[in-house]
Amino acid sequence: MSTITVRPAAVTDLPALQALDRTDTTEFVWQFSLANDESHLGANFERVRLPRPARLLPMHSLSQWAEEAAPRALFILAELDEKPCGYLVLGRVHGSAAGLVSDLAVDRSLRRRGIGSALLNAARDWSVQNGIERLLVETHPKNDPAICFCRRNGLVFSGLLDQHYPGLNTALFFGVNLR
């Protein structure tokens, strides 16, 4: 049986992590509408089937995390049988007791084996030990697999940030209280 281990990532791990296939495909997106008038303020999300599968590309560059390693509170990787197969990047939210998972990736060929959940659980444990009271995960409304992953792992929709990503795309946040 294969063994999943999670450990801190090092600069020397970057080539192996950059070689991971971080792409995905989806048949669904989360379409949202905003209400912003004098008597109503809100956002509504609806899961919509696409006419054909769409390819999802990573929203972040792994080399970006290497360059900005200092502000990252946690950069961990998962290994399956001692080979890197995924990683997670978590930073502290400035001025708050929250931690933000801004990147979580598992090699496409190795998904649905508990690797992503192992990374998220390690981030939860680290967060509790380091005084983080709320854990947030950032994703994109087009990334239905990530949204389903968050929900399966007990995270609930916590908000959005419009025009967060390049191309004026919206970021969604899913969270869980740790205390």
Foldseek 3Di string as FASTA:
>chain_A
DKDKDKDADDPVCVVLAQPFAQKDKDQWFWDKDFDDDDPDGDMDTDIDGHPDIDMGDDQDDPVVCVVVVVQWPGWMFMDINNGTFWIWTWGADPPALEIETEDIGGRPVPPPPCNSVVRVVVVLVVSVVVRRFKYKYKDFRGPVVVVVVCVVNPWAWDDKDFLPGPVRGIITMTMDTSD
